[in-house]
Amino acid sequence: SKKILQWAIILLGAGLSLSQVWQTGIESLY
């Protein structure tokens, strides 16, 4: 409930592309 939870969040980040996030974030910022 504590450690595996944190490791899961770390691995979740591996599926994100910050460049794609940036582009979409600008469009949906407001």
PDB file of all heavy atoms in Angstrom:
ATOM      1  N   SER A   1       0.813  -1.216   0.000  1.00  0.00           N
ATOM      2  CA  SER A   1       0.000   0.000   0.000  1.00  0.00           C
ATOM      3  C   SER A   1       0.846   1.267   0.000  1.00  0.00           C
ATOM      4  O   SER A   1       0.361   2.335  -0.390  1.00  0.00           O
ATOM      5  CB  SER A   1      -0.947   0.017   1.216  1.00  0.00           C
ATOM      6  OG  SER A   1      -0.211   0.151   2.420  1.00  0.00           O
ATOM      7  N   LYS A   2       2.111   1.165   0.398  1.00  0.00           N
ATOM      8  CA  LYS A   2       2.988   2.347   0.452  1.00  0.00           C
ATOM      9  C   LYS A   2       4.022   2.341  -0.674  1.00  0.00           C
ATOM     10  O   LYS A   2       3.996   3.178  -1.577  1.00  0.00           O
ATOM     11  CB  LYS A   2       3.712   2.398   1.812  1.00  0.00           C
ATOM     12  CG  LYS A   2       2.791   2.402   3.009  1.00  0.00           C
ATOM     13  CD  LYS A   2       1.944   3.653   3.117  1.00  0.00           C
ATOM     14  CE  LYS A   2       1.101   3.635   4.384  1.00  0.00           C
ATOM     15  NZ  LYS A   2       0.183   4.785   4.462  1.00  0.00           N
ATOM     16  N   LYS A   3       4.940   1.377  -0.639  1.00  0.00           N
ATOM     17  CA  LYS A   3       6.080   1.373  -1.562  1.00  0.00           C
ATOM     18  C   LYS A   3       5.688   1.016  -2.994  1.00  0.00           C
ATOM     19  O   LYS A   3       6.107   1.689  -3.946  1.00  0.00           O
ATOM     20  CB  LYS A   3       7.152   0.408  -1.057  1.00  0.00           C
ATOM     21  CG  LYS A   3       7.794   0.828   0.250  1.00  0.00           C
ATOM     22  CD  LYS A   3       8.502   2.178   0.100  1.00  0.00           C
ATOM     23  CE  LYS A   3       9.173   2.594   1.409  1.00  0.00           C
ATOM     24  NZ  LYS A   3       9.819   3.927   1.291  1.00  0.00           N
ATOM     25  N   ILE A   4       4.888  -0.039  -3.169  1.00  0.00           N
ATOM     26  CA  ILE A   4       4.499  -0.432  -4.520  1.00  0.00           C
ATOM     27  C   ILE A   4       3.671   0.675  -5.164  1.00  0.00           C
ATOM     28  O   ILE A   4       3.750   0.911  -6.370  1.00  0.00           O
ATOM     29  CB  ILE A   4       3.737  -1.779  -4.501  1.00  0.00           C
ATOM     30  CG1 ILE A   4       4.730  -2.903  -4.189  1.00  0.00           C
ATOM     31  CG2 ILE A   4       3.030  -2.043  -5.832  1.00  0.00           C
ATOM     32  CD1 ILE A   4       4.155  -4.281  -4.191  1.00  0.00           C
ATOM     33  N   LEU A   5       2.900   1.368  -4.353  1.00  0.00           N
ATOM     34  CA  LEU A   5       2.121   2.504  -4.839  1.00  0.00           C
ATOM     35  C   LEU A   5       3.041   3.572  -5.432  1.00  0.00           C
ATOM     36  O   LEU A   5       2.798   4.103  -6.526  1.00  0.00           O
ATOM     37  CB  LEU A   5       1.298   3.086  -3.691  1.00  0.00           C
ATOM     38  CG  LEU A   5       0.242   4.141  -4.001  1.00  0.00           C
ATOM     39  CD1 LEU A   5      -0.744   3.637  -5.033  1.00  0.00           C
ATOM     40  CD2 LEU A   5      -0.466   4.552  -2.738  1.00  0.00           C
ATOM     41  N   GLN A   6       4.122   3.878  -4.742  1.00  0.00           N
ATOM     42  CA  GLN A   6       5.055   4.897  -5.222  1.00  0.00           C
ATOM     43  C   GLN A   6       5.789   4.428  -6.480  1.00  0.00           C
ATOM     44  O   GLN A   6       5.989   5.205  -7.423  1.00  0.00           O
ATOM     45  CB  GLN A   6       6.053   5.241  -4.108  1.00  0.00           C
ATOM     46  CG  GLN A   6       5.390   5.901  -2.900  1.00  0.00           C
ATOM     47  CD  GLN A   6       6.357   6.181  -1.770  1.00  0.00           C
ATOM     48  OE1 GLN A   6       7.566   5.986  -1.911  1.00  0.00           O
ATOM     49  NE2 GLN A   6       5.850   6.613  -0.636  1.00  0.00           N
ATOM     50  N   TRP A   7       6.185   3.157  -6.519  1.00  0.00           N
ATOM     51  CA  TRP A   7       6.859   2.631  -7.711  1.00  0.00           C
ATOM     52  C   TRP A   7       5.932   2.679  -8.924  1.00  0.00           C
ATOM     53  O   TRP A   7       6.379   2.923 -10.043  1.00  0.00           O
ATOM     54  CB  TRP A   7       7.315   1.195  -7.452  1.00  0.00           C
ATOM     55  CG  TRP A   7       8.360   1.073  -6.377  1.00  0.00           C
ATOM     56  CD1 TRP A   7       9.119   2.083  -5.841  1.00  0.00           C
ATOM     57  CD2 TRP A   7       8.748  -0.113  -5.690  1.00  0.00           C
ATOM     58  NE1 TRP A   7       9.948   1.598  -4.858  1.00  0.00           N
ATOM     59  CE2 TRP A   7       9.749   0.252  -4.737  1.00  0.00           C
ATOM     60  CE3 TRP A   7       8.361  -1.450  -5.752  1.00  0.00           C
ATOM     61  CZ2 TRP A   7      10.346  -0.685  -3.894  1.00  0.00           C
ATOM     62  CZ3 TRP A   7       8.964  -2.380  -4.915  1.00  0.00           C
ATOM     63  CH2 TRP A   7       9.938  -1.995  -3.995  1.00  0.00           C
ATOM     64  N   ALA A   8       4.644   2.438  -8.682  1.00  0.00           N
ATOM     65  CA  ALA A   8       3.662   2.476  -9.776  1.00  0.00           C
ATOM     66  C   ALA A   8       3.576   3.876 -10.376  1.00  0.00           C
ATOM     67  O   ALA A   8       3.497   4.039 -11.601  1.00  0.00           O
ATOM     68  CB  ALA A   8       2.295   2.029  -9.272  1.00  0.00           C
ATOM     69  N   ILE A   9       3.601   4.893  -9.526  1.00  0.00           N
ATOM     70  CA  ILE A   9       3.542   6.275 -10.007  1.00  0.00           C
ATOM     71  C   ILE A   9       4.792   6.605 -10.828  1.00  0.00           C
ATOM     72  O   ILE A   9       4.717   7.268 -11.871  1.00  0.00           O
ATOM     73  CB  ILE A   9       3.405   7.259  -8.822  1.00  0.00           C
ATOM     74  CG1 ILE A   9       2.099   7.013  -8.058  1.00  0.00           C
ATOM     75  CG2 ILE A   9       3.457   8.707  -9.313  1.00  0.00           C
ATOM     76  CD1 ILE A   9       0.847   7.194  -8.868  1.00  0.00           C
ATOM     77  N   ILE A  10       5.956   6.122 -10.379  1.00  0.00           N
ATOM     78  CA  ILE A  10       7.203   6.351 -11.120  1.00  0.00           C
ATOM     79  C   ILE A  10       7.119   5.727 -12.513  1.00  0.00           C
ATOM     80  O   ILE A  10       7.464   6.353 -13.522  1.00  0.00           O
ATOM     81  CB  ILE A  10       8.403   5.778 -10.342  1.00  0.00           C
ATOM     82  CG1 ILE A  10       8.625   6.575  -9.049  1.00  0.00           C
ATOM     83  CG2 ILE A  10       9.666   5.795 -11.202  1.00  0.00           C
ATOM     84  CD1 ILE A  10       9.617   5.949  -8.094  1.00  0.00           C
ATOM     85  N   LEU A  11       6.635   4.491 -12.597  1.00  0.00           N
ATOM     86  CA  LEU A  11       6.496   3.818 -13.885  1.00  0.00           C
ATOM     87  C   LEU A  11       5.458   4.492 -14.774  1.00  0.00           C
ATOM     88  O   LEU A  11       5.581   4.495 -15.995  1.00  0.00           O
ATOM     89  CB  LEU A  11       6.094   2.351 -13.676  1.00  0.00           C
ATOM     90  CG  LEU A  11       7.216   1.316 -13.657  1.00  0.00           C
ATOM     91  CD1 LEU A  11       6.638  -0.076 -13.505  1.00  0.00           C
ATOM     92  CD2 LEU A  11       8.058   1.397 -14.920  1.00  0.00           C
ATOM     93  N   LEU A  12       4.446   5.089 -14.149  1.00  0.00           N
ATOM     94  CA  LEU A  12       3.415   5.802 -14.906  1.00  0.00           C
ATOM     95  C   LEU A  12       4.045   6.920 -15.735  1.00  0.00           C
ATOM     96  O   LEU A  12       3.626   7.196 -16.864  1.00  0.00           O
ATOM     97  CB  LEU A  12       2.371   6.377 -13.939  1.00  0.00           C
ATOM     98  CG  LEU A  12       1.065   6.927 -14.512  1.00  0.00           C
ATOM     99  CD1 LEU A  12       0.240   5.800 -15.128  1.00  0.00           C
ATOM    100  CD2 LEU A  12       0.261   7.618 -13.411  1.00  0.00           C
ATOM    101  N   GLY A  13       5.065   7.549 -15.182  1.00  0.00           N
ATOM    102  CA  GLY A  13       5.746   8.628 -15.880  1.00  0.00           C
ATOM    103  C   GLY A  13       6.439   8.171 -17.149  1.00  0.00           C
ATOM    104  O   GLY A  13       6.604   8.944 -18.092  1.00  0.00           O
ATOM    105  N   ALA A  14       6.846   6.891 -17.197  1.00  0.00           N
ATOM    106  CA  ALA A  14       7.555   6.367 -18.364  1.00  0.00           C
ATOM    107  C   ALA A  14       6.671   6.303 -19.605  1.00  0.00           C
ATOM    108  O   ALA A  14       7.175   6.167 -20.717  1.00  0.00           O
ATOM    109  CB  ALA A  14       8.115   4.975 -18.055  1.00  0.00           C
ATOM    110  N   GLY A  15       5.360   6.422 -19.408  1.00  0.00           N
ATOM    111  CA  GLY A  15       4.450   6.393 -20.548  1.00  0.00           C
ATOM    112  C   GLY A  15       4.092   7.773 -21.065  1.00  0.00           C
ATOM    113  O   GLY A  15       3.283   7.901 -21.991  1.00  0.00           O
ATOM    114  N   LEU A  16       4.687   8.810 -20.494  1.00  0.00           N
ATOM    115  CA  LEU A  16       4.355  10.182 -20.884  1.00  0.00           C
ATOM    116  C   LEU A  16       5.459  10.800 -21.740  1.00  0.00           C
ATOM    117  O   LEU A  16       6.644  10.645 -21.443  1.00  0.00           O
ATOM    118  CB  LEU A  16       4.138  11.050 -19.645  1.00  0.00           C
ATOM    119  CG  LEU A  16       2.906  10.748 -18.792  1.00  0.00           C
ATOM    120  CD1 LEU A  16       2.911  11.638 -17.559  1.00  0.00           C
ATOM    121  CD2 LEU A  16       1.627  10.955 -19.570  1.00  0.00           C
ATOM    122  N   SER A  17       5.059  11.508 -22.775  1.00  0.00           N
ATOM    123  CA  SER A  17       5.996  12.276 -23.589  1.00  0.00           C
ATOM    124  C   SER A  17       5.792  13.750 -23.267  1.00  0.00           C
ATOM    125  O   SER A  17       4.725  14.312 -23.527  1.00  0.00           O
ATOM    126  CB  SER A  17       5.742  12.031 -25.084  1.00  0.00           C
ATOM    127  OG  SER A  17       6.465  12.955 -25.862  1.00  0.00           O
ATOM    128  N   LEU A  18       6.801  14.389 -22.686  1.00  0.00           N
ATOM    129  CA  LEU A  18       6.667  15.778 -22.258  1.00  0.00           C
ATOM    130  C   LEU A  18       6.503  16.728 -23.442  1.00  0.00           C
ATOM    131  O   LEU A  18       5.868  17.775 -23.318  1.00  0.00           O
ATOM    132  CB  LEU A  18       7.871  16.191 -21.411  1.00  0.00           C
ATOM    133  CG  LEU A  18       8.036  15.435 -20.073  1.00  0.00           C
ATOM    134  CD1 LEU A  18       9.267  15.932 -19.335  1.00  0.00           C
ATOM    135  CD2 LEU A  18       6.790  15.606 -19.195  1.00  0.00           C
ATOM    136  N   SER A  19       7.047  16.375 -24.602  1.00  0.00           N
ATOM    137  CA  SER A  19       6.885  17.232 -25.784  1.00  0.00           C
ATOM    138  C   SER A  19       5.436  17.228 -26.255  1.00  0.00           C
ATOM    139  O   SER A  19       4.876  18.276 -26.612  1.00  0.00           O
ATOM    140  CB  SER A  19       7.807  16.758 -26.908  1.00  0.00           C
ATOM    141  OG  SER A  19       7.568  15.402 -27.237  1.00  0.00           O
ATOM    142  N   GLN A  20       4.813  16.051 -26.254  1.00  0.00           N
ATOM    143  CA  GLN A  20       3.406  15.949 -26.640  1.00  0.00           C
ATOM    144  C   GLN A  20       2.529  16.639 -25.608  1.00  0.00           C
ATOM    145  O   GLN A  20       1.557  17.329 -25.948  1.00  0.00           O
ATOM    146  CB  GLN A  20       3.002  14.482 -26.777  1.00  0.00           C
ATOM    147  CG  GLN A  20       1.616  14.271 -27.373  1.00  0.00           C
ATOM    148  CD  GLN A  20       1.283  12.796 -27.504  1.00  0.00           C
ATOM    149  OE1 GLN A  20       1.453  12.016 -26.567  1.00  0.00           O
ATOM    150  NE2 GLN A  20       0.805  12.403 -28.674  1.00  0.00           N
ATOM    151  N   VAL A  21       2.897  16.472 -24.346  1.00  0.00           N
ATOM    152  CA  VAL A  21       2.165  17.116 -23.258  1.00  0.00           C
ATOM    153  C   VAL A  21       2.228  18.644 -23.409  1.00  0.00           C
ATOM    154  O   VAL A  21       1.238  19.343 -23.210  1.00  0.00           O
ATOM    155  CB  VAL A  21       2.750  16.685 -21.894  1.00  0.00           C
ATOM    156  CG1 VAL A  21       2.311  17.633 -20.778  1.00  0.00           C
ATOM    157  CG2 VAL A  21       2.327  15.263 -21.570  1.00  0.00           C
ATOM    158  N   TRP A  22       3.420  19.162 -23.777  1.00  0.00           N
ATOM    159  CA  TRP A  22       3.594  20.605 -23.937  1.00  0.00           C
ATOM    160  C   TRP A  22       2.684  21.147 -25.032  1.00  0.00           C
ATOM    161  O   TRP A  22       2.004  22.161 -24.851  1.00  0.00           O
ATOM    162  CB  TRP A  22       5.046  20.921 -24.245  1.00  0.00           C
ATOM    163  CG  TRP A  22       5.303  22.362 -24.572  1.00  0.00           C
ATOM    164  CD1 TRP A  22       5.439  22.925 -25.793  1.00  0.00           C
ATOM    165  CD2 TRP A  22       5.413  23.445 -23.626  1.00  0.00           C
ATOM    166  NE1 TRP A  22       5.639  24.277 -25.696  1.00  0.00           N
ATOM    167  CE2 TRP A  22       5.628  24.626 -24.375  1.00  0.00           C
ATOM    168  CE3 TRP A  22       5.358  23.524 -22.236  1.00  0.00           C
ATOM    169  CZ2 TRP A  22       5.793  25.861 -23.768  1.00  0.00           C
ATOM    170  CZ3 TRP A  22       5.520  24.764 -21.641  1.00  0.00           C
ATOM    171  CH2 TRP A  22       5.734  25.908 -22.398  1.00  0.00           C
ATOM    172  N   GLN A  23       2.667  20.485 -26.178  1.00  0.00           N
ATOM    173  CA  GLN A  23       1.853  20.945 -27.296  1.00  0.00           C
ATOM    174  C   GLN A  23       0.372  20.949 -26.947  1.00  0.00           C
ATOM    175  O   GLN A  23      -0.345  21.925 -27.181  1.00  0.00           O
ATOM    176  CB  GLN A  23       2.095  20.051 -28.517  1.00  0.00           C
ATOM    177  CG  GLN A  23       1.308  20.502 -29.759  1.00  0.00           C
ATOM    178  CD  GLN A  23       1.565  19.596 -30.954  1.00  0.00           C
ATOM    179  OE1 GLN A  23       2.445  18.735 -30.905  1.00  0.00           O
ATOM    180  NE2 GLN A  23       0.796  19.782 -32.011  1.00  0.00           N
ATOM    181  N   THR A  24      -0.093  19.851 -26.374  1.00  0.00           N
ATOM    182  CA  THR A  24      -1.509  19.757 -25.994  1.00  0.00           C
ATOM    183  C   THR A  24      -1.825  20.703 -24.842  1.00  0.00           C
ATOM    184  O   THR A  24      -2.906  21.287 -24.783  1.00  0.00           O
ATOM    185  CB  THR A  24      -1.866  18.315 -25.585  1.00  0.00           C
ATOM    186  OG1 THR A  24      -1.470  17.430 -26.626  1.00  0.00           O
ATOM    187  CG2 THR A  24      -3.359  18.167 -25.333  1.00  0.00           C
ATOM    188  N   GLY A  25      -0.858  20.872 -23.945  1.00  0.00           N
ATOM    189  CA  GLY A  25      -1.072  21.758 -22.805  1.00  0.00           C
ATOM    190  C   GLY A  25      -1.303  23.197 -23.230  1.00  0.00           C
ATOM    191  O   GLY A  25      -2.133  23.900 -22.634  1.00  0.00           O
ATOM    192  N   ILE A  26      -0.574  23.659 -24.250  1.00  0.00           N
ATOM    193  CA  ILE A  26      -0.762  25.021 -24.754  1.00  0.00           C
ATOM    194  C   ILE A  26      -2.177  25.188 -25.309  1.00  0.00           C
ATOM    195  O   ILE A  26      -2.856  26.199 -25.075  1.00  0.00           O
ATOM    196  CB  ILE A  26       0.283  25.346 -25.843  1.00  0.00           C
ATOM    197  CG1 ILE A  26       1.699  25.362 -25.237  1.00  0.00           C
ATOM    198  CG2 ILE A  26      -0.030  26.673 -26.519  1.00  0.00           C
ATOM    199  CD1 ILE A  26       1.909  26.404 -24.176  1.00  0.00           C
ATOM    200  N   GLU A  27      -2.647  24.175 -26.051  1.00  0.00           N
ATOM    201  CA  GLU A  27      -3.979  24.245 -26.667  1.00  0.00           C
ATOM    202  C   GLU A  27      -5.088  24.223 -25.620  1.00  0.00           C
ATOM    203  O   GLU A  27      -6.136  24.845 -25.802  1.00  0.00           O
ATOM    204  CB  GLU A  27      -4.169  23.059 -27.628  1.00  0.00           C
ATOM    205  CG  GLU A  27      -3.221  23.065 -28.819  1.00  0.00           C
ATOM    206  CD  GLU A  27      -3.309  21.791 -29.631  1.00  0.00           C
ATOM    207  OE1 GLU A  27      -4.084  20.885 -29.239  1.00  0.00           O
ATOM    208  OE2 GLU A  27      -2.610  21.678 -30.660  1.00  0.00           O
ATOM    209  N   SER A  28      -4.859  23.505 -24.525  1.00  0.00           N
ATOM    210  CA  SER A  28      -5.926  23.321 -23.535  1.00  0.00           C
ATOM    211  C   SER A  28      -5.641  24.042 -22.219  1.00  0.00           C
ATOM    212  O   SER A  28      -6.294  23.773 -21.215  1.00  0.00           O
ATOM    213  CB  SER A  28      -6.112  21.822 -23.257  1.00  0.00           C
ATOM    214  OG  SER A  28      -4.905  21.244 -22.780  1.00  0.00           O
ATOM    215  N   LEU A  29      -4.664  24.972 -22.240  1.00  0.00           N
ATOM    216  CA  LEU A  29      -4.178  25.594 -21.010  1.00  0.00           C
ATOM    217  C   LEU A  29      -5.287  26.270 -20.210  1.00  0.00           C
ATOM    218  O   LEU A  29      -5.440  26.021 -19.008  1.00  0.00           O
ATOM    219  CB  LEU A  29      -3.084  26.616 -21.336  1.00  0.00           C
ATOM    220  CG  LEU A  29      -2.477  27.351 -20.134  1.00  0.00           C
ATOM    221  CD1 LEU A  29      -1.782  26.357 -19.208  1.00  0.00           C
ATOM    222  CD2 LEU A  29      -1.487  28.418 -20.602  1.00  0.00           C
ATOM    223  N   TYR A  30      -6.074  27.137 -20.865  1.00  0.00           N
ATOM    224  CA  TYR A  30      -7.112  27.877 -20.139  1.00  0.00           C
ATOM    225  C   TYR A  30      -8.132  26.940 -19.512  1.00  0.00           C
ATOM    226  O   TYR A  30      -8.500  27.086 -18.334  1.00  0.00           O
ATOM    227  CB  TYR A  30      -7.813  28.868 -21.074  1.00  0.00           C
ATOM    228  CG  TYR A  30      -7.006  30.103 -21.380  1.00  0.00           C
ATOM    229  CD1 TYR A  30      -6.546  30.357 -22.667  1.00  0.00           C
ATOM    230  CD2 TYR A  30      -6.686  31.012 -20.374  1.00  0.00           C
ATOM    231  CE1 TYR A  30      -5.783  31.488 -22.955  1.00  0.00           C
ATOM    232  CE2 TYR A  30      -5.935  32.143 -20.645  1.00  0.00           C
ATOM    233  CZ  TYR A  30      -5.477  32.375 -21.939  1.00  0.00           C
ATOM    234  OH  TYR A  30      -4.729  33.488 -22.206  1.00  0.00           O
TER     235      TYR A  30
END
